[in-house]
Amino acid sequence: DLFDDPYVNPANAKKVSRSKEHLAFAQQAAERSIVLLKNTNHILPLDTRRIHTIAVIGPTAHPNPSAGYQRKKPSISVLDGIKNMVGDNVKIIYEQVYLKFNR
């Protein structure tokens, strides 16, 4: 159990977590977890004449490149995509909100 023995062999962990099998599984999980938005009330595309502020919340909205994510192709974060789309016309509020769990 991870909480009973939180220490791992760093060399083995790096080798296993970067294995072809793990990377393929991570890619498959990412592809299967894509969410399509339902465009209720035709809010999309965002109308920057009517929207003044957008809150982007969550650690995966703008992942840290050093956090261990590997991508086959260059990508753009949700936060950067929204910023690029709305430009300077809309205020963007970003909060990572990392949750801590107590055992």
Foldseek 3Di string as FASTA:
>chain_A
DCVVPVDDDVVVCVPVCPDPVNVVVVVVVVVVPDDDDDCPPVCPPPDLVPAAEDEDEACQQQDDPPPPDDDPDDDDGNVVVVCVVNPPSHHYHYYHDDDDDDD
